[in-house]
């Protein structure tokens, strides 16, 4: 299985440009995500992009089996991942965000209500939007990797 990993960070993109690996971009969350994907026996492709509509293009052009976007889910005016990606969803997976927030309670307490983790299906592939912290990347990938085969099975029924 091929999973595209897109890290959405305008500030990191301005500093590092089109980094081809999380190490090139000093990206701890990207490192966590790629390590988990590889440990699960899947192939990961990494891209660092600025937040916003350019993310939409990356999703539209992807030929991966699944897409994970990390970052840009916060509440500042620069956090536009959800606004760029959710309109693409042909189906939403609200349970992903619900379970993510529920599991986050143990780690961050009531601040979990601030997360806008989301998931949906676009052109027969699941797309997951995760907050940008390493802890959120770890939690999100644990949830995704536990169910990705099941999710794809439902999509391809």
C-alpha atoms as a PDB file:
ATOM      1  CA  UNK A   1       0.000   0.000   0.000  1.00  0.00           C
ATOM      2  CA  UNK A   2       1.226   3.483  -0.845  1.00  0.00           C
ATOM      3  CA  UNK A   3       0.405   6.327   1.529  1.00  0.00           C
ATOM      4  CA  UNK A   4       1.132   9.915   0.566  1.00  0.00           C
ATOM      5  CA  UNK A   5       2.178  12.008   3.548  1.00  0.00           C
ATOM      6  CA  UNK A   6       1.760  15.744   3.124  1.00  0.00           C
ATOM      7  CA  UNK A   7       2.987  18.041   5.862  1.00  0.00           C
ATOM      8  CA  UNK A   8       1.171  21.362   5.717  1.00  0.00           C
ATOM      9  CA  UNK A   9       3.337  24.123   7.117  1.00  0.00           C
ATOM     10  CA  UNK A  10       3.714  27.469   5.446  1.00  0.00           C
ATOM     11  CA  UNK A  11       6.521  28.571   7.801  1.00  0.00           C
ATOM     12  CA  UNK A  12       8.454  25.304   7.399  1.00  0.00           C
ATOM     13  CA  UNK A  13       7.931  25.444   3.613  1.00  0.00           C
ATOM     14  CA  UNK A  14       9.284  28.998   3.505  1.00  0.00           C
ATOM     15  CA  UNK A  15      12.373  27.859   5.411  1.00  0.00           C
ATOM     16  CA  UNK A  16      13.050  24.490   3.719  1.00  0.00           C
ATOM     17  CA  UNK A  17      11.202  24.589   0.369  1.00  0.00           C
ATOM     18  CA  UNK A  18      10.190  21.347  -1.287  1.00  0.00           C
ATOM     19  CA  UNK A  19      11.915  18.984   1.133  1.00  0.00           C
ATOM     20  CA  UNK A  20      11.786  15.328   0.050  1.00  0.00           C
ATOM     21  CA  UNK A  21      12.126  13.905   3.557  1.00  0.00           C
ATOM     22  CA  UNK A  22      11.148  14.993   7.053  1.00  0.00           C
ATOM     23  CA  UNK A  23      14.834  15.042   8.025  1.00  0.00           C
ATOM     24  CA  UNK A  24      15.500  17.716   5.379  1.00  0.00           C
ATOM     25  CA  UNK A  25      12.774  19.866   6.918  1.00  0.00           C
ATOM     26  CA  UNK A  26      13.481  19.265  10.634  1.00  0.00           C
ATOM     27  CA  UNK A  27       9.998  17.736  10.760  1.00  0.00           C
ATOM     28  CA  UNK A  28       9.495  15.528  13.815  1.00  0.00           C
ATOM     29  CA  UNK A  29       5.841  14.799  13.039  1.00  0.00           C
ATOM     30  CA  UNK A  30       6.709  13.709   9.513  1.00  0.00           C
ATOM     31  CA  UNK A  31       9.395  11.422  10.924  1.00  0.00           C
ATOM     32  CA  UNK A  32       6.851   9.818  13.285  1.00  0.00           C
ATOM     33  CA  UNK A  33       4.351   9.281  10.478  1.00  0.00           C
ATOM     34  CA  UNK A  34       6.855   7.800   8.032  1.00  0.00           C
ATOM     35  CA  UNK A  35       8.347   5.496  10.668  1.00  0.00           C
ATOM     36  CA  UNK A  36       4.904   4.140  11.584  1.00  0.00           C
ATOM     37  CA  UNK A  37       3.937   3.584   7.940  1.00  0.00           C
ATOM     38  CA  UNK A  38       7.191   1.773   7.196  1.00  0.00           C
ATOM     39  CA  UNK A  39       6.932  -0.310  10.391  1.00  0.00           C
ATOM     40  CA  UNK A  40       3.481  -1.422   9.217  1.00  0.00           C
ATOM     41  CA  UNK A  41       5.024  -2.634   5.946  1.00  0.00           C
ATOM     42  CA  UNK A  42       3.646   0.095   3.699  1.00  0.00           C
ATOM     43  CA  UNK A  43       5.338   2.588   1.369  1.00  0.00           C
ATOM     44  CA  UNK A  44       5.278   6.284   2.242  1.00  0.00           C
ATOM     45  CA  UNK A  45       5.867   9.269  -0.031  1.00  0.00           C
ATOM     46  CA  UNK A  46       6.595  12.586   1.691  1.00  0.00           C
ATOM     47  CA  UNK A  47       5.916  16.157   0.648  1.00  0.00           C
ATOM     48  CA  UNK A  48       6.205  19.445   2.509  1.00  0.00           C
ATOM     49  CA  UNK A  49       3.751  22.062   1.259  1.00  0.00           C
ATOM     50  CA  UNK A  50       2.394  25.400   2.433  1.00  0.00           C
ATOM     51  CA  UNK A  51      -1.034  25.293   3.991  1.00  0.00           C
ATOM     52  CA  UNK A  52      -4.118  26.159   1.956  1.00  0.00           C
ATOM     53  CA  UNK A  53      -5.351  25.462  -1.545  1.00  0.00           C
ATOM     54  CA  UNK A  54      -2.067  23.914  -2.718  1.00  0.00           C
ATOM     55  CA  UNK A  55      -3.014  20.973  -0.485  1.00  0.00           C
ATOM     56  CA  UNK A  56      -6.138  20.479  -2.545  1.00  0.00           C
ATOM     57  CA  UNK A  57      -4.000  20.110  -5.682  1.00  0.00           C
ATOM     58  CA  UNK A  58      -1.810  17.516  -3.951  1.00  0.00           C
ATOM     59  CA  UNK A  59      -4.868  15.450  -3.020  1.00  0.00           C
ATOM     60  CA  UNK A  60      -6.397  15.774  -6.479  1.00  0.00           C
ATOM     61  CA  UNK A  61      -3.173  14.628  -8.183  1.00  0.00           C
ATOM     62  CA  UNK A  62      -2.331  11.792  -5.792  1.00  0.00           C
ATOM     63  CA  UNK A  63      -2.403   8.214  -7.029  1.00  0.00           C
ATOM     64  CA  UNK A  64      -1.735   6.752  -3.571  1.00  0.00           C
ATOM     65  CA  UNK A  65      -4.008   4.311  -1.782  1.00  0.00           C
ATOM     66  CA  UNK A  66      -4.443   6.781   1.102  1.00  0.00           C
ATOM     67  CA  UNK A  67      -3.356  10.307   2.004  1.00  0.00           C
ATOM     68  CA  UNK A  68      -2.339  11.692   5.385  1.00  0.00           C
ATOM     69  CA  UNK A  69      -2.099  15.464   5.791  1.00  0.00           C
ATOM     70  CA  UNK A  70      -0.391  16.664   8.948  1.00  0.00           C
ATOM     71  CA  UNK A  71      -0.682  20.253  10.109  1.00  0.00           C
ATOM     72  CA  UNK A  72      -2.785  23.290   9.400  1.00  0.00           C
ATOM     73  CA  UNK A  73      -5.735  22.120  11.488  1.00  0.00           C
ATOM     74  CA  UNK A  74      -5.433  24.755  14.210  1.00  0.00           C
ATOM     75  CA  UNK A  75      -7.442  27.893  14.799  1.00  0.00           C
ATOM     76  CA  UNK A  76      -5.212  30.653  13.431  1.00  0.00           C
ATOM     77  CA  UNK A  77      -6.002  32.458  10.194  1.00  0.00           C
ATOM     78  CA  UNK A  78      -3.105  30.534   8.584  1.00  0.00           C
ATOM     79  CA  UNK A  79      -4.557  27.102   9.430  1.00  0.00           C
ATOM     80  CA  UNK A  80      -6.490  26.210   6.281  1.00  0.00           C
ATOM     81  CA  UNK A  81      -6.105  22.466   5.840  1.00  0.00           C
ATOM     82  CA  UNK A  82      -9.679  21.630   6.788  1.00  0.00           C
ATOM     83  CA  UNK A  83     -11.101  24.457   4.685  1.00  0.00           C
ATOM     84  CA  UNK A  84      -9.075  23.299   1.662  1.00  0.00           C
ATOM     85  CA  UNK A  85      -9.695  19.558   1.976  1.00  0.00           C
ATOM     86  CA  UNK A  86     -13.170  18.966   3.432  1.00  0.00           C
ATOM     87  CA  UNK A  87     -14.968  20.329   0.324  1.00  0.00           C
ATOM     88  CA  UNK A  88     -13.324  17.498  -1.660  1.00  0.00           C
ATOM     89  CA  UNK A  89     -14.819  14.763   0.516  1.00  0.00           C
ATOM     90  CA  UNK A  90     -17.420  12.670  -1.262  1.00  0.00           C
ATOM     91  CA  UNK A  91     -17.997  10.834   2.022  1.00  0.00           C
ATOM     92  CA  UNK A  92     -16.969  11.951   5.498  1.00  0.00           C
ATOM     93  CA  UNK A  93     -15.633   9.729   8.257  1.00  0.00           C
ATOM     94  CA  UNK A  94     -16.757  11.678  11.334  1.00  0.00           C
ATOM     95  CA  UNK A  95     -15.844   8.795  13.632  1.00  0.00           C
ATOM     96  CA  UNK A  96     -12.148   9.414  12.959  1.00  0.00           C
ATOM     97  CA  UNK A  97     -12.249  12.919  14.432  1.00  0.00           C
ATOM     98  CA  UNK A  98     -14.498  11.796  17.266  1.00  0.00           C
ATOM     99  CA  UNK A  99     -12.201   8.942  18.280  1.00  0.00           C
ATOM    100  CA  UNK A 100      -9.114  11.138  17.819  1.00  0.00           C
ATOM    101  CA  UNK A 101     -10.537  13.737  20.215  1.00  0.00           C
ATOM    102  CA  UNK A 102     -11.647  11.053  22.680  1.00  0.00           C
ATOM    103  CA  UNK A 103      -8.178   9.454  22.727  1.00  0.00           C
ATOM    104  CA  UNK A 104      -6.564  12.908  22.966  1.00  0.00           C
ATOM    105  CA  UNK A 105      -8.338  13.553  26.269  1.00  0.00           C
ATOM    106  CA  UNK A 106      -5.828  11.274  28.016  1.00  0.00           C
ATOM    107  CA  UNK A 107      -2.898  13.265  26.673  1.00  0.00           C
ATOM    108  CA  UNK A 108      -4.054  16.890  26.544  1.00  0.00           C
ATOM    109  CA  UNK A 109      -7.222  17.006  28.633  1.00  0.00           C
ATOM    110  CA  UNK A 110     -10.052  19.278  27.608  1.00  0.00           C
ATOM    111  CA  UNK A 111      -7.789  20.981  25.029  1.00  0.00           C
ATOM    112  CA  UNK A 112      -8.782  18.018  22.851  1.00  0.00           C
ATOM    113  CA  UNK A 113     -11.914  19.957  21.919  1.00  0.00           C
ATOM    114  CA  UNK A 114      -9.728  22.301  19.866  1.00  0.00           C
ATOM    115  CA  UNK A 115      -8.555  19.644  17.435  1.00  0.00           C
ATOM    116  CA  UNK A 116     -10.042  19.626  13.988  1.00  0.00           C
ATOM    117  CA  UNK A 117      -8.776  16.181  13.006  1.00  0.00           C
ATOM    118  CA  UNK A 118     -10.934  15.003  10.113  1.00  0.00           C
ATOM    119  CA  UNK A 119     -11.187  12.294   7.486  1.00  0.00           C
ATOM    120  CA  UNK A 120     -13.135  11.522   4.371  1.00  0.00           C
ATOM    121  CA  UNK A 121     -13.051   9.770   1.035  1.00  0.00           C
ATOM    122  CA  UNK A 122     -12.025  11.413  -2.228  1.00  0.00           C
ATOM    123  CA  UNK A 123     -11.930   9.430  -5.487  1.00  0.00           C
ATOM    124  CA  UNK A 124     -11.901   6.061  -3.733  1.00  0.00           C
ATOM    125  CA  UNK A 125      -9.086   6.921  -1.342  1.00  0.00           C
ATOM    126  CA  UNK A 126      -9.242   7.882   2.319  1.00  0.00           C
ATOM    127  CA  UNK A 127      -7.812  11.259   3.259  1.00  0.00           C
ATOM    128  CA  UNK A 128      -6.882  11.956   6.880  1.00  0.00           C
ATOM    129  CA  UNK A 129      -6.145  15.404   8.324  1.00  0.00           C
ATOM    130  CA  UNK A 130      -4.084  15.395  11.522  1.00  0.00           C
ATOM    131  CA  UNK A 131      -2.871  18.158  13.818  1.00  0.00           C
ATOM    132  CA  UNK A 132       0.814  18.947  13.396  1.00  0.00           C
ATOM    133  CA  UNK A 133       2.325  17.913  16.732  1.00  0.00           C
ATOM    134  CA  UNK A 134       4.392  14.719  17.033  1.00  0.00           C
ATOM    135  CA  UNK A 135       1.955  13.384  19.645  1.00  0.00           C
ATOM    136  CA  UNK A 136      -0.999  13.959  17.320  1.00  0.00           C
ATOM    137  CA  UNK A 137       0.921  12.340  14.462  1.00  0.00           C
ATOM    138  CA  UNK A 138       1.579   9.256  16.601  1.00  0.00           C
ATOM    139  CA  UNK A 139      -2.022   8.961  17.787  1.00  0.00           C
ATOM    140  CA  UNK A 140      -3.443   9.597  14.341  1.00  0.00           C
ATOM    141  CA  UNK A 141      -1.244   7.001  12.687  1.00  0.00           C
ATOM    142  CA  UNK A 142      -2.069   4.416  15.363  1.00  0.00           C
ATOM    143  CA  UNK A 143      -5.768   4.908  14.564  1.00  0.00           C
ATOM    144  CA  UNK A 144      -5.275   5.008  10.790  1.00  0.00           C
ATOM    145  CA  UNK A 145      -3.000   1.993  10.522  1.00  0.00           C
ATOM    146  CA  UNK A 146      -5.244  -0.107  12.745  1.00  0.00           C
ATOM    147  CA  UNK A 147      -8.160   0.359  10.322  1.00  0.00           C
ATOM    148  CA  UNK A 148      -6.759   1.287   6.904  1.00  0.00           C
ATOM    149  CA  UNK A 149      -7.270  -2.176   5.416  1.00  0.00           C
ATOM    150  CA  UNK A 150     -10.830  -2.276   6.732  1.00  0.00           C
ATOM    151  CA  UNK A 151     -11.531   1.219   5.371  1.00  0.00           C
ATOM    152  CA  UNK A 152     -10.183   0.354   1.929  1.00  0.00           C
ATOM    153  CA  UNK A 153     -12.221  -2.867   1.943  1.00  0.00           C
ATOM    154  CA  UNK A 154     -15.394  -0.837   2.437  1.00  0.00           C
ATOM    155  CA  UNK A 155     -14.454   1.677  -0.242  1.00  0.00           C
ATOM    156  CA  UNK A 156     -13.787  -1.044  -2.816  1.00  0.00           C
ATOM    157  CA  UNK A 157     -16.868  -3.176  -2.032  1.00  0.00           C
END
